[in-house]
């Protein structure tokens, strides 16, 4: 028969294990979020480069559409000024 100390020891060990698992889960969630952010940045870079290249080749079609999308988008004033200086807004 176990004593009270033995039972408390098991409970304490399980609580430590629980805390370690919670920390591991939190760390994995952070890693996954960072991975998603990197992937989204890569997507934006690849798609953006393709759109810019094709808009330059087809300014009357795709170029016009990209300009309309940019004008309708909520952009910071500094971003809008940068795009205007580059001929996009």
N, C-alpha and C. Protein backbone atom coordinates (compact mmCIF):
# COMPACT_ATOMS: atom_id res chain seq x y z
N UNK A 1 0.84 -1.19 0.00
CA UNK A 1 0.00 0.00 0.00
C UNK A 1 0.88 1.25 0.00
N UNK A 2 0.51 2.19 -0.87
CA UNK A 2 1.32 3.40 -0.97
C UNK A 2 0.94 4.39 0.10
N UNK A 3 1.91 5.16 0.48
CA UNK A 3 1.65 6.20 1.46
C UNK A 3 1.16 7.44 0.75
N UNK A 4 0.74 8.40 1.51
CA UNK A 4 0.29 9.67 0.95
C UNK A 4 1.41 10.35 0.16
N UNK A 5 2.64 10.24 0.66
CA UNK A 5 3.78 10.83 -0.05
C UNK A 5 3.97 10.19 -1.41
N UNK A 6 3.77 8.87 -1.49
CA UNK A 6 3.91 8.17 -2.76
C UNK A 6 2.89 8.64 -3.78
N UNK A 7 1.65 8.85 -3.36
CA UNK A 7 0.60 9.33 -4.25
C UNK A 7 0.87 10.76 -4.69
N UNK A 8 1.30 11.58 -3.75
CA UNK A 8 1.61 12.97 -4.09
C UNK A 8 2.77 13.04 -5.07
N UNK A 9 3.72 12.12 -4.90
CA UNK A 9 4.85 12.07 -5.82
C UNK A 9 4.43 11.74 -7.24
N UNK A 10 3.50 10.81 -7.38
CA UNK A 10 2.98 10.46 -8.71
C UNK A 10 2.25 11.64 -9.34
N UNK A 11 1.42 12.27 -8.51
CA UNK A 11 0.66 13.42 -9.02
C UNK A 11 1.61 14.53 -9.44
N UNK A 12 2.61 14.79 -8.63
CA UNK A 12 3.58 15.84 -8.97
C UNK A 12 4.34 15.49 -10.25
N UNK A 13 4.72 14.22 -10.40
CA UNK A 13 5.42 13.78 -11.62
C UNK A 13 4.53 13.96 -12.84
N UNK A 14 3.26 13.62 -12.70
CA UNK A 14 2.32 13.80 -13.82
C UNK A 14 2.11 15.27 -14.15
N UNK A 15 2.07 16.11 -13.14
CA UNK A 15 1.92 17.55 -13.38
C UNK A 15 3.13 18.11 -14.10
N UNK A 16 4.32 17.64 -13.74
CA UNK A 16 5.54 18.08 -14.43
C UNK A 16 5.51 17.63 -15.88
N UNK A 17 5.06 16.39 -16.09
CA UNK A 17 4.96 15.88 -17.46
C UNK A 17 3.94 16.69 -18.27
N UNK A 18 2.82 17.02 -17.62
CA UNK A 18 1.79 17.84 -18.26
C UNK A 18 2.37 19.21 -18.66
N UNK A 19 3.12 19.82 -17.77
CA UNK A 19 3.72 21.13 -18.06
C UNK A 19 4.71 21.02 -19.22
N UNK A 20 5.48 19.94 -19.23
CA UNK A 20 6.45 19.75 -20.32
C UNK A 20 5.73 19.56 -21.65
N UNK A 21 4.63 18.82 -21.64
CA UNK A 21 3.85 18.62 -22.87
C UNK A 21 3.22 19.92 -23.35
N UNK A 22 2.70 20.70 -22.42
CA UNK A 22 2.12 22.00 -22.80
C UNK A 22 3.17 22.91 -23.41
N UNK A 23 4.37 22.90 -22.86
CA UNK A 23 5.46 23.71 -23.40
C UNK A 23 5.85 23.22 -24.79
N UNK A 24 5.90 21.90 -24.97
CA UNK A 24 6.25 21.33 -26.28
C UNK A 24 5.18 21.68 -27.32
N UNK A 25 3.92 21.63 -26.93
CA UNK A 25 2.83 21.99 -27.84
C UNK A 25 2.93 23.46 -28.22
N UNK A 26 3.17 24.32 -27.25
CA UNK A 26 3.28 25.75 -27.53
C UNK A 26 4.46 26.03 -28.47
N UNK A 27 5.58 25.36 -28.25
CA UNK A 27 6.75 25.55 -29.10
C UNK A 27 6.46 25.09 -30.52
N UNK A 28 5.77 23.98 -30.66
CA UNK A 28 5.42 23.48 -32.00
C UNK A 28 4.45 24.42 -32.70
N UNK A 29 3.51 24.98 -31.96
CA UNK A 29 2.58 25.93 -32.55
C UNK A 29 3.33 27.16 -33.08
N UNK A 30 4.31 27.63 -32.34
CA UNK A 30 5.12 28.77 -32.78
C UNK A 30 5.88 28.40 -34.04
N UNK A 31 6.50 27.21 -34.07
CA UNK A 31 7.24 26.77 -35.26
C UNK A 31 6.33 26.70 -36.48
N UNK A 32 5.15 26.14 -36.30
CA UNK A 32 4.22 26.04 -37.43
C UNK A 32 3.76 27.40 -37.91
N UNK A 33 3.50 28.32 -36.99
CA UNK A 33 3.09 29.68 -37.37
C UNK A 33 4.20 30.38 -38.15
N UNK A 34 5.44 30.24 -37.68
CA UNK A 34 6.57 30.85 -38.39
C UNK A 34 6.73 30.24 -39.78
N UNK A 35 6.53 28.93 -39.89
CA UNK A 35 6.62 28.26 -41.18
C UNK A 35 5.54 28.80 -42.13
N UNK A 36 4.31 28.95 -41.62
CA UNK A 36 3.22 29.50 -42.45
C UNK A 36 3.56 30.91 -42.91
N UNK A 37 4.12 31.72 -42.02
CA UNK A 37 4.48 33.09 -42.38
C UNK A 37 5.57 33.11 -43.45
N UNK A 38 6.57 32.23 -43.32
CA UNK A 38 7.63 32.14 -44.35
C UNK A 38 7.05 31.71 -45.69
N UNK A 39 6.15 30.72 -45.65
CA UNK A 39 5.54 30.25 -46.88
C UNK A 39 4.69 31.34 -47.53
N UNK A 40 3.94 32.09 -46.72
CA UNK A 40 3.13 33.18 -47.26
C UNK A 40 4.00 34.27 -47.88
N UNK A 41 5.12 34.58 -47.24
CA UNK A 41 6.04 35.57 -47.79
C UNK A 41 6.62 35.08 -49.11
N UNK A 42 6.95 33.79 -49.17
CA UNK A 42 7.50 33.23 -50.41
C UNK A 42 6.45 33.27 -51.52
N UNK A 43 5.21 32.90 -51.18
CA UNK A 43 4.12 32.98 -52.17
C UNK A 43 3.97 34.39 -52.70
N UNK A 44 3.94 35.36 -51.80
CA UNK A 44 3.78 36.75 -52.21
C UNK A 44 4.93 37.17 -53.12
N UNK A 45 6.13 36.75 -52.81
CA UNK A 45 7.29 37.11 -53.62
C UNK A 45 7.20 36.49 -55.01
N UNK A 46 6.89 35.21 -55.08
CA UNK A 46 6.83 34.50 -56.37
C UNK A 46 5.69 35.04 -57.22
N UNK A 47 4.50 35.12 -56.62
CA UNK A 47 3.33 35.60 -57.37
C UNK A 47 3.51 37.06 -57.76
N UNK A 48 4.01 37.86 -56.83
CA UNK A 48 4.23 39.27 -57.12
C UNK A 48 5.21 39.48 -58.26
N UNK A 49 6.30 38.73 -58.26
CA UNK A 49 7.30 38.85 -59.33
C UNK A 49 6.69 38.47 -60.68
N UNK A 50 5.90 37.39 -60.68
CA UNK A 50 5.27 36.97 -61.94
C UNK A 50 4.27 38.03 -62.43
N UNK A 51 3.50 38.59 -61.51
CA UNK A 51 2.52 39.62 -61.90
C UNK A 51 3.22 40.87 -62.43
N UNK A 52 4.27 41.30 -61.74
CA UNK A 52 5.00 42.49 -62.19
C UNK A 52 5.58 42.28 -63.59
N UNK A 53 6.19 41.13 -63.79
CA UNK A 53 6.79 40.82 -65.10
C UNK A 53 5.73 40.82 -66.20
N UNK A 54 4.62 40.14 -65.94
CA UNK A 54 3.57 40.06 -66.96
C UNK A 54 2.83 41.37 -67.13
N UNK A 55 2.68 42.15 -66.07
CA UNK A 55 2.03 43.45 -66.19
C UNK A 55 2.88 44.39 -67.04
N UNK A 56 4.20 44.29 -66.92
CA UNK A 56 5.10 45.12 -67.74
C UNK A 56 4.98 44.73 -69.21
N UNK A 57 4.78 43.45 -69.49
CA UNK A 57 4.66 42.97 -70.87
C UNK A 57 3.28 43.27 -71.45
N UNK A 58 2.27 43.35 -70.60
CA UNK A 58 0.89 43.56 -71.04
C UNK A 58 0.26 44.71 -70.25
N UNK A 59 0.76 45.93 -70.43
CA UNK A 59 0.26 47.05 -69.60
C UNK A 59 -1.21 47.39 -69.83
N UNK A 60 -1.75 47.10 -71.01
CA UNK A 60 -3.14 47.45 -71.28
C UNK A 60 -4.13 46.44 -70.71
N UNK A 61 -3.66 45.27 -70.33
CA UNK A 61 -4.58 44.26 -69.79
C UNK A 61 -4.24 43.98 -68.32
N UNK A 62 -3.25 43.16 -68.12
CA UNK A 62 -2.90 42.79 -66.76
C UNK A 62 -2.38 43.99 -65.97
N UNK A 63 -1.59 44.83 -66.62
CA UNK A 63 -1.07 46.03 -65.94
C UNK A 63 -2.19 46.91 -65.43
N UNK A 64 -3.21 47.12 -66.23
CA UNK A 64 -4.35 47.93 -65.84
C UNK A 64 -5.10 47.28 -64.68
N UNK A 65 -5.28 45.96 -64.75
CA UNK A 65 -5.99 45.25 -63.69
C UNK A 65 -5.21 45.36 -62.36
N UNK A 66 -3.90 45.20 -62.40
CA UNK A 66 -3.09 45.30 -61.19
C UNK A 66 -3.19 46.71 -60.61
N UNK A 67 -3.15 47.72 -61.46
CA UNK A 67 -3.28 49.10 -60.98
C UNK A 67 -4.63 49.32 -60.31
N UNK A 68 -5.69 48.76 -60.90
CA UNK A 68 -7.03 48.91 -60.31
C UNK A 68 -7.11 48.21 -58.95
N UNK A 69 -6.52 47.05 -58.86
CA UNK A 69 -6.53 46.32 -57.59
C UNK A 69 -5.76 47.12 -56.55
N UNK A 70 -4.62 47.66 -56.91
CA UNK A 70 -3.82 48.45 -55.97
C UNK A 70 -4.56 49.70 -55.52
N UNK A 71 -5.24 50.37 -56.45
CA UNK A 71 -5.98 51.58 -56.10
C UNK A 71 -7.14 51.27 -55.15
N UNK A 72 -7.73 50.09 -55.29
CA UNK A 72 -8.87 49.71 -54.44
C UNK A 72 -8.41 49.13 -53.10
N UNK A 73 -7.15 48.81 -52.98
CA UNK A 73 -6.63 48.18 -51.77
C UNK A 73 -6.39 49.19 -50.67
N UNK A 74 -6.50 48.72 -49.43
CA UNK A 74 -6.17 49.56 -48.28
C UNK A 74 -4.67 49.48 -48.08
N UNK A 75 -3.98 50.54 -48.44
CA UNK A 75 -2.52 50.60 -48.32
C UNK A 75 -2.13 51.75 -47.40
N UNK A 76 -0.98 51.59 -46.79
CA UNK A 76 -0.44 52.71 -46.02
C UNK A 76 -0.10 53.83 -46.99
N UNK A 77 -0.17 55.04 -46.52
CA UNK A 77 0.13 56.19 -47.38
C UNK A 77 1.55 56.11 -47.93
N UNK A 78 2.48 55.66 -47.12
CA UNK A 78 3.87 55.53 -47.60
C UNK A 78 3.98 54.49 -48.70
N UNK A 79 3.22 53.39 -48.60
CA UNK A 79 3.23 52.37 -49.65
C UNK A 79 2.60 52.91 -50.93
N UNK A 80 1.51 53.64 -50.75
CA UNK A 80 0.83 54.23 -51.92
C UNK A 80 1.76 55.22 -52.63
N UNK A 81 2.50 56.03 -51.85
CA UNK A 81 3.45 57.00 -52.44
C UNK A 81 4.57 56.26 -53.17
N UNK A 82 5.07 55.17 -52.58
CA UNK A 82 6.12 54.38 -53.23
C UNK A 82 5.62 53.81 -54.55
N UNK A 83 4.40 53.21 -54.52
CA UNK A 83 3.85 52.66 -55.74
C UNK A 83 3.62 53.72 -56.81
N UNK A 84 3.17 54.89 -56.39
CA UNK A 84 2.96 55.99 -57.34
C UNK A 84 4.27 56.42 -57.97
N UNK A 85 5.31 56.49 -57.18
CA UNK A 85 6.63 56.86 -57.71
C UNK A 85 7.14 55.85 -58.72
N UNK A 86 6.69 54.60 -58.57
CA UNK A 86 7.10 53.55 -59.49
C UNK A 86 6.12 53.37 -60.64
N UNK A 87 5.07 54.21 -60.67
CA UNK A 87 4.11 54.16 -61.76
C UNK A 87 3.00 53.13 -61.61
N UNK A 88 2.74 52.70 -60.38
CA UNK A 88 1.74 51.67 -60.17
C UNK A 88 0.41 52.21 -59.63
N UNK A 89 0.34 53.39 -59.15
CA UNK A 89 -0.93 53.96 -58.63
C UNK A 89 -1.18 55.31 -59.26
